[in-house]
Amino acid sequence: MKLIGQVMMLGVMAVCAGTVAAQAPWLPPQVEQGLADQLAERLAAVNTGKTPDQAAIRQAAGRAVQSMARQLGTWTDVVAVEKAPLFPQIKWVKGSQRHLDAMGRFQVCNLALFPQFESGGDPGSRRSGALGLSAVTLAIIRLREPFLAGGGNHEAIEAFLTSAPMAAILETVQKQPALQAHVQTQCAPVLRELLGPPAK
């Protein structure tokens, strides 16, 4: 249950990040900086056992967020929905609106990414997990704007991402290794597209 709460909190954090400058371009500078700072903290945490070069990590995090944001900026609203992973092996509780539903699908990817980052294992894998978490957050924020433009609100996003049906989906996946592998496989294509070459 702890992991489920953390995954759902990541979704809420994405909503909160997106509430800044609601009428600005889809990723306001202050939100971009906040996400870069968060990614820098995660990348620094991967460098256990040695003193990290904080300046280099911050630069790498900033470049990574900018790269992901540029890629997301090439997506139309329709494409942003179409890119959301599908999970045919999971009994899905569809959101009341297509952008909302897509946000929920991206959130499920965190079930594979968060344990990968927290694993304490291979640093390369942990870095990929950290970058993936940022990519998912950015994708959810990208979907926020068309949802709001269509009459939705921030409360509806938070309510769906933290709803009992969504929690049930996350709990089911967490308990079944086969579904965890399914999530990882289904999320991999869009994550490869957003991450591109590893950050240096």
C-alpha atoms as a PDB file:
ATOM      1  CA  MET A   1       0.000   0.000   0.000  1.00  0.00           C
ATOM      2  CA  LYS A   2       2.924   2.340   0.608  1.00  0.00           C
ATOM      3  CA  LEU A   3       3.956   2.195  -3.057  1.00  0.00           C
ATOM      4  CA  ILE A   4       0.385   2.849  -4.179  1.00  0.00           C
ATOM      5  CA  GLY A   5       0.237   5.975  -2.033  1.00  0.00           C
ATOM      6  CA  GLN A   6       3.543   7.184  -3.442  1.00  0.00           C
ATOM      7  CA  VAL A   7       2.413   6.576  -7.020  1.00  0.00           C
ATOM      8  CA  MET A   8      -0.860   8.402  -6.449  1.00  0.00           C
ATOM      9  CA  MET A   9       0.998  11.260  -4.788  1.00  0.00           C
ATOM     10  CA  LEU A  10       3.182  11.592  -7.889  1.00  0.00           C
ATOM     11  CA  GLY A  11       0.015  12.128  -9.901  1.00  0.00           C
ATOM     12  CA  VAL A  12      -1.229  14.767  -7.475  1.00  0.00           C
ATOM     13  CA  MET A  13       2.147  16.491  -7.606  1.00  0.00           C
ATOM     14  CA  ALA A  14       1.809  16.658 -11.378  1.00  0.00           C
ATOM     15  CA  VAL A  15      -1.582  18.330 -11.020  1.00  0.00           C
ATOM     16  CA  CYS A  16      -0.230  20.784  -8.438  1.00  0.00           C
ATOM     17  CA  ALA A  17       2.740  21.638 -10.631  1.00  0.00           C
ATOM     18  CA  GLY A  18       0.381  22.311 -13.483  1.00  0.00           C
ATOM     19  CA  THR A  19      -1.792  24.693 -11.505  1.00  0.00           C
ATOM     20  CA  VAL A  20       0.866  27.411 -11.720  1.00  0.00           C
ATOM     21  CA  ALA A  21       0.142  30.021 -14.402  1.00  0.00           C
ATOM     22  CA  ALA A  22      -2.875  28.168 -15.748  1.00  0.00           C
ATOM     23  CA  GLN A  23      -3.234  30.471 -18.758  1.00  0.00           C
ATOM     24  CA  ALA A  24       0.464  30.315 -19.706  1.00  0.00           C
ATOM     25  CA  PRO A  25       2.007  27.917 -22.265  1.00  0.00           C
ATOM     26  CA  TRP A  26       1.632  24.310 -21.267  1.00  0.00           C
ATOM     27  CA  LEU A  27       4.908  24.283 -19.301  1.00  0.00           C
ATOM     28  CA  PRO A  28       5.574  27.634 -17.591  1.00  0.00           C
ATOM     29  CA  PRO A  29       9.246  28.367 -16.753  1.00  0.00           C
ATOM     30  CA  GLN A  30       8.707  28.079 -13.004  1.00  0.00           C
ATOM     31  CA  VAL A  31       7.123  24.642 -13.403  1.00  0.00           C
ATOM     32  CA  GLU A  32       9.962  23.536 -15.690  1.00  0.00           C
ATOM     33  CA  GLN A  33      12.474  24.667 -13.062  1.00  0.00           C
ATOM     34  CA  GLY A  34      10.619  22.858 -10.299  1.00  0.00           C
ATOM     35  CA  LEU A  35      10.630  19.618 -12.278  1.00  0.00           C
ATOM     36  CA  ALA A  36      14.324  20.042 -13.083  1.00  0.00           C
ATOM     37  CA  ASP A  37      15.087  20.557  -9.387  1.00  0.00           C
ATOM     38  CA  GLN A  38      13.102  17.439  -8.485  1.00  0.00           C
ATOM     39  CA  LEU A  39      14.920  15.394 -11.123  1.00  0.00           C
ATOM     40  CA  ALA A  40      18.279  16.727  -9.931  1.00  0.00           C
ATOM     41  CA  GLU A  41      17.494  15.506  -6.404  1.00  0.00           C
ATOM     42  CA  ARG A  42      16.673  12.050  -7.718  1.00  0.00           C
ATOM     43  CA  LEU A  43      19.773  11.876  -9.896  1.00  0.00           C
ATOM     44  CA  ALA A  44      21.918  12.966  -6.947  1.00  0.00           C
ATOM     45  CA  ALA A  45      20.380  10.191  -4.852  1.00  0.00           C
ATOM     46  CA  VAL A  46      21.606   7.654  -7.413  1.00  0.00           C
ATOM     47  CA  ASN A  47      25.207   8.723  -6.777  1.00  0.00           C
ATOM     48  CA  THR A  48      25.445   6.913  -3.458  1.00  0.00           C
ATOM     49  CA  GLY A  49      28.917   6.287  -2.128  1.00  0.00           C
ATOM     50  CA  LYS A  50      30.519   9.303  -3.748  1.00  0.00           C
ATOM     51  CA  THR A  51      30.213  13.055  -3.607  1.00  0.00           C
ATOM     52  CA  PRO A  52      28.020  14.119  -6.544  1.00  0.00           C
ATOM     53  CA  ASP A  53      28.898  17.070  -8.747  1.00  0.00           C
ATOM     54  CA  GLN A  54      25.787  19.084  -7.911  1.00  0.00           C
ATOM     55  CA  ALA A  55      26.302  21.663 -10.649  1.00  0.00           C
ATOM     56  CA  ALA A  56      26.715  18.990 -13.314  1.00  0.00           C
ATOM     57  CA  ILE A  57      23.670  17.108 -12.040  1.00  0.00           C
ATOM     58  CA  ARG A  58      21.525  20.256 -12.106  1.00  0.00           C
ATOM     59  CA  GLN A  59      22.640  20.994 -15.656  1.00  0.00           C
ATOM     60  CA  ALA A  60      21.918  17.446 -16.779  1.00  0.00           C
ATOM     61  CA  ALA A  61      18.489  17.516 -15.125  1.00  0.00           C
ATOM     62  CA  GLY A  62      17.643  20.834 -16.754  1.00  0.00           C
ATOM     63  CA  ARG A  63      18.661  19.571 -20.189  1.00  0.00           C
ATOM     64  CA  ALA A  64      16.673  16.374 -19.715  1.00  0.00           C
ATOM     65  CA  VAL A  65      13.476  18.198 -18.715  1.00  0.00           C
ATOM     66  CA  GLN A  66      13.856  20.635 -21.615  1.00  0.00           C
ATOM     67  CA  SER A  67      14.349  17.765 -24.045  1.00  0.00           C
ATOM     68  CA  MET A  68      11.266  15.932 -22.813  1.00  0.00           C
ATOM     69  CA  ALA A  69       9.238  19.154 -22.853  1.00  0.00           C
ATOM     70  CA  ARG A  70      10.260  19.850 -26.449  1.00  0.00           C
ATOM     71  CA  GLN A  71       9.130  16.391 -27.507  1.00  0.00           C
ATOM     72  CA  LEU A  72       5.820  16.757 -25.695  1.00  0.00           C
ATOM     73  CA  GLY A  73       5.396  20.161 -27.315  1.00  0.00           C
ATOM     74  CA  THR A  74       5.382  18.530 -30.748  1.00  0.00           C
ATOM     75  CA  TRP A  75       2.322  16.495 -29.808  1.00  0.00           C
ATOM     76  CA  THR A  76      -1.116  17.777 -30.675  1.00  0.00           C
ATOM     77  CA  ASP A  77      -3.824  17.334 -28.064  1.00  0.00           C
ATOM     78  CA  VAL A  78      -5.089  14.306 -29.973  1.00  0.00           C
ATOM     79  CA  VAL A  79      -1.626  12.755 -30.164  1.00  0.00           C
ATOM     80  CA  ALA A  80      -1.073  13.340 -26.438  1.00  0.00           C
ATOM     81  CA  VAL A  81      -4.102  11.156 -25.740  1.00  0.00           C
ATOM     82  CA  GLU A  82      -3.118   8.538 -28.307  1.00  0.00           C
ATOM     83  CA  LYS A  83       0.369   8.204 -26.808  1.00  0.00           C
ATOM     84  CA  ALA A  84      -0.992   7.180 -23.402  1.00  0.00           C
ATOM     85  CA  PRO A  85      -0.198   3.481 -22.848  1.00  0.00           C
ATOM     86  CA  LEU A  86      -2.965   0.921 -23.158  1.00  0.00           C
ATOM     87  CA  PHE A  87      -3.119  -1.985 -20.745  1.00  0.00           C
ATOM     88  CA  PRO A  88      -5.213  -4.763 -22.321  1.00  0.00           C
ATOM     89  CA  GLN A  89      -4.425  -7.141 -19.449  1.00  0.00           C
ATOM     90  CA  ILE A  90      -5.795  -4.728 -16.833  1.00  0.00           C
ATOM     91  CA  LYS A  91      -9.480  -4.218 -16.133  1.00  0.00           C
ATOM     92  CA  TRP A  92      -9.553  -0.466 -16.626  1.00  0.00           C
ATOM     93  CA  VAL A  93     -11.925   2.037 -15.065  1.00  0.00           C
ATOM     94  CA  LYS A  94     -12.201   4.670 -17.752  1.00  0.00           C
ATOM     95  CA  GLY A  95     -12.074   8.346 -16.862  1.00  0.00           C
ATOM     96  CA  SER A  96     -15.044  10.569 -17.640  1.00  0.00           C
ATOM     97  CA  GLN A  97     -13.076  12.439 -20.314  1.00  0.00           C
ATOM     98  CA  ARG A  98     -10.384  11.247 -22.742  1.00  0.00           C
ATOM     99  CA  HIS A  99      -7.612  13.518 -21.457  1.00  0.00           C
ATOM    100  CA  LEU A 100      -8.420  12.526 -17.888  1.00  0.00           C
ATOM    101  CA  ASP A 101      -8.342   8.869 -18.859  1.00  0.00           C
ATOM    102  CA  ALA A 102      -4.952   9.348 -20.533  1.00  0.00           C
ATOM    103  CA  MET A 103      -3.561  10.966 -17.381  1.00  0.00           C
ATOM    104  CA  GLY A 104      -4.591   7.890 -15.416  1.00  0.00           C
ATOM    105  CA  ARG A 105      -2.886   5.611 -17.920  1.00  0.00           C
ATOM    106  CA  PHE A 106       0.352   7.540 -17.667  1.00  0.00           C
ATOM    107  CA  GLN A 107       0.119   7.392 -13.868  1.00  0.00           C
ATOM    108  CA  VAL A 108       0.111   3.587 -13.998  1.00  0.00           C
ATOM    109  CA  CYS A 109       3.601   3.710 -15.544  1.00  0.00           C
ATOM    110  CA  ASN A 110       4.884   4.962 -12.190  1.00  0.00           C
ATOM    111  CA  LEU A 111       4.248   1.469 -10.792  1.00  0.00           C
ATOM    112  CA  ALA A 112       7.216   0.271 -12.841  1.00  0.00           C
ATOM    113  CA  LEU A 113       9.310   3.435 -12.633  1.00  0.00           C
ATOM    114  CA  PHE A 114       9.196   4.211  -8.917  1.00  0.00           C
ATOM    115  CA  PRO A 115      10.472   0.785  -7.778  1.00  0.00           C
ATOM    116  CA  GLN A 116      13.127   0.975 -10.505  1.00  0.00           C
ATOM    117  CA  PHE A 117      14.364   4.285  -9.104  1.00  0.00           C
ATOM    118  CA  GLU A 118      14.093   3.159  -5.464  1.00  0.00           C
ATOM    119  CA  SER A 119      15.666  -0.249  -6.055  1.00  0.00           C
ATOM    120  CA  GLY A 120      19.160   0.597  -4.817  1.00  0.00           C
ATOM    121  CA  GLY A 121      20.470  -1.528  -7.677  1.00  0.00           C
ATOM    122  CA  ASP A 122      22.253  -0.656 -10.904  1.00  0.00           C
ATOM    123  CA  PRO A 123      22.827   3.125 -11.114  1.00  0.00           C
ATOM    124  CA  GLY A 124      21.995   3.186 -14.818  1.00  0.00           C
ATOM    125  CA  SER A 125      18.652   1.536 -14.206  1.00  0.00           C
ATOM    126  CA  ARG A 126      17.940   3.875 -11.301  1.00  0.00           C
ATOM    127  CA  ARG A 127      18.734   6.913 -13.471  1.00  0.00           C
ATOM    128  CA  SER A 128      16.366   5.602 -16.132  1.00  0.00           C
ATOM    129  CA  GLY A 129      13.685   5.259 -13.466  1.00  0.00           C
ATOM    130  CA  ALA A 130      14.244   8.833 -12.279  1.00  0.00           C
ATOM    131  CA  LEU A 131      14.058  10.184 -15.819  1.00  0.00           C
ATOM    132  CA  GLY A 132      10.950   8.114 -16.507  1.00  0.00           C
ATOM    133  CA  LEU A 133       9.182   9.545 -13.455  1.00  0.00           C
ATOM    134  CA  SER A 134       9.853  13.046 -14.771  1.00  0.00           C
ATOM    135  CA  ALA A 135       8.623  12.063 -18.233  1.00  0.00           C
ATOM    136  CA  VAL A 136       5.341  10.745 -16.822  1.00  0.00           C
ATOM    137  CA  THR A 137       4.846  13.895 -14.757  1.00  0.00           C
ATOM    138  CA  LEU A 138       5.413  16.044 -17.830  1.00  0.00           C
ATOM    139  CA  ALA A 139       2.979  13.951 -19.874  1.00  0.00           C
ATOM    140  CA  ILE A 140       0.267  14.380 -17.237  1.00  0.00           C
ATOM    141  CA  ILE A 141       0.868  18.139 -17.156  1.00  0.00           C
ATOM    142  CA  ARG A 142       0.748  18.223 -20.973  1.00  0.00           C
ATOM    143  CA  LEU A 143      -2.687  16.595 -20.904  1.00  0.00           C
ATOM    144  CA  ARG A 144      -3.932  19.000 -18.237  1.00  0.00           C
ATOM    145  CA  GLU A 145      -4.303  22.001 -20.561  1.00  0.00           C
ATOM    146  CA  PRO A 146      -6.748  20.467 -23.084  1.00  0.00           C
ATOM    147  CA  PHE A 147      -8.693  18.950 -20.192  1.00  0.00           C
ATOM    148  CA  LEU A 148      -9.113  22.358 -18.570  1.00  0.00           C
ATOM    149  CA  ALA A 149      -9.909  23.954 -21.935  1.00  0.00           C
ATOM    150  CA  GLY A 150     -12.702  21.406 -22.347  1.00  0.00           C
ATOM    151  CA  GLY A 151     -14.347  22.490 -19.098  1.00  0.00           C
ATOM    152  CA  GLY A 152     -12.503  20.302 -16.614  1.00  0.00           C
ATOM    153  CA  ASN A 153     -10.867  21.490 -13.412  1.00  0.00           C
ATOM    154  CA  HIS A 154      -7.908  20.610 -11.200  1.00  0.00           C
ATOM    155  CA  GLU A 155     -10.150  19.052  -8.573  1.00  0.00           C
ATOM    156  CA  ALA A 156     -11.496  16.548 -11.112  1.00  0.00           C
ATOM    157  CA  ILE A 157      -7.961  15.541 -12.088  1.00  0.00           C
ATOM    158  CA  GLU A 158      -6.902  14.987  -8.488  1.00  0.00           C
ATOM    159  CA  ALA A 159     -10.148  13.161  -7.696  1.00  0.00           C
ATOM    160  CA  PHE A 160      -9.672  10.717 -10.587  1.00  0.00           C
ATOM    161  CA  LEU A 161      -5.967  10.067 -10.033  1.00  0.00           C
ATOM    162  CA  THR A 162      -6.563   9.365  -6.334  1.00  0.00           C
ATOM    163  CA  SER A 163      -9.951   7.639  -6.695  1.00  0.00           C
ATOM    164  CA  ALA A 164     -10.783   4.273  -5.166  1.00  0.00           C
ATOM    165  CA  PRO A 165     -11.065   2.584  -8.601  1.00  0.00           C
ATOM    166  CA  MET A 166      -7.626   3.905  -9.569  1.00  0.00           C
ATOM    167  CA  ALA A 167      -6.185   2.758  -6.244  1.00  0.00           C
ATOM    168  CA  ALA A 168      -7.703  -0.686  -6.852  1.00  0.00           C
ATOM    169  CA  ILE A 169      -6.006  -0.892 -10.252  1.00  0.00           C
ATOM    170  CA  LEU A 170      -2.655   0.087  -8.759  1.00  0.00           C
ATOM    171  CA  GLU A 171      -3.050  -2.412  -5.914  1.00  0.00           C
ATOM    172  CA  THR A 172      -3.925  -5.230  -8.313  1.00  0.00           C
ATOM    173  CA  VAL A 173      -0.887  -4.508 -10.478  1.00  0.00           C
ATOM    174  CA  GLN A 174       1.383  -4.256  -7.452  1.00  0.00           C
ATOM    175  CA  LYS A 175       0.342  -7.727  -6.277  1.00  0.00           C
ATOM    176  CA  GLN A 176       0.810  -9.474  -9.622  1.00  0.00           C
ATOM    177  CA  PRO A 177       4.312  -9.680 -11.139  1.00  0.00           C
ATOM    178  CA  ALA A 178       2.855 -10.584 -14.539  1.00  0.00           C
ATOM    179  CA  LEU A 179       0.854  -7.352 -14.589  1.00  0.00           C
ATOM    180  CA  GLN A 180       3.910  -5.389 -13.454  1.00  0.00           C
ATOM    181  CA  ALA A 181       5.790  -6.781 -16.444  1.00  0.00           C
ATOM    182  CA  HIS A 182       2.822  -5.915 -18.653  1.00  0.00           C
ATOM    183  CA  VAL A 183       2.894  -2.304 -17.414  1.00  0.00           C
ATOM    184  CA  GLN A 184       6.619  -2.050 -18.055  1.00  0.00           C
ATOM    185  CA  THR A 185       6.205  -3.392 -21.594  1.00  0.00           C
ATOM    186  CA  GLN A 186       3.275  -1.122 -22.434  1.00  0.00           C
ATOM    187  CA  CYS A 187       4.929   2.019 -21.058  1.00  0.00           C
ATOM    188  CA  ALA A 188       8.309   1.389 -22.685  1.00  0.00           C
ATOM    189  CA  PRO A 189       7.582   2.805 -26.197  1.00  0.00           C
ATOM    190  CA  VAL A 190       6.376   6.228 -25.065  1.00  0.00           C
ATOM    191  CA  LEU A 191       9.132   6.465 -22.461  1.00  0.00           C
ATOM    192  CA  ARG A 192      11.757   5.735 -25.129  1.00  0.00           C
ATOM    193  CA  GLU A 193      10.256   8.454 -27.266  1.00  0.00           C
ATOM    194  CA  LEU A 194      10.291  11.017 -24.462  1.00  0.00           C
ATOM    195  CA  LEU A 195      13.660  10.165 -22.961  1.00  0.00           C
ATOM    196  CA  GLY A 196      15.712   9.821 -26.109  1.00  0.00           C
ATOM    197  CA  PRO A 197      19.473   9.528 -25.495  1.00  0.00           C
ATOM    198  CA  PRO A 198      20.441   9.272 -21.812  1.00  0.00           C
ATOM    199  CA  ALA A 199      21.286  12.561 -20.110  1.00  0.00           C
ATOM    200  CA  LYS A 200      25.035  13.168 -19.770  1.00  0.00           C
END
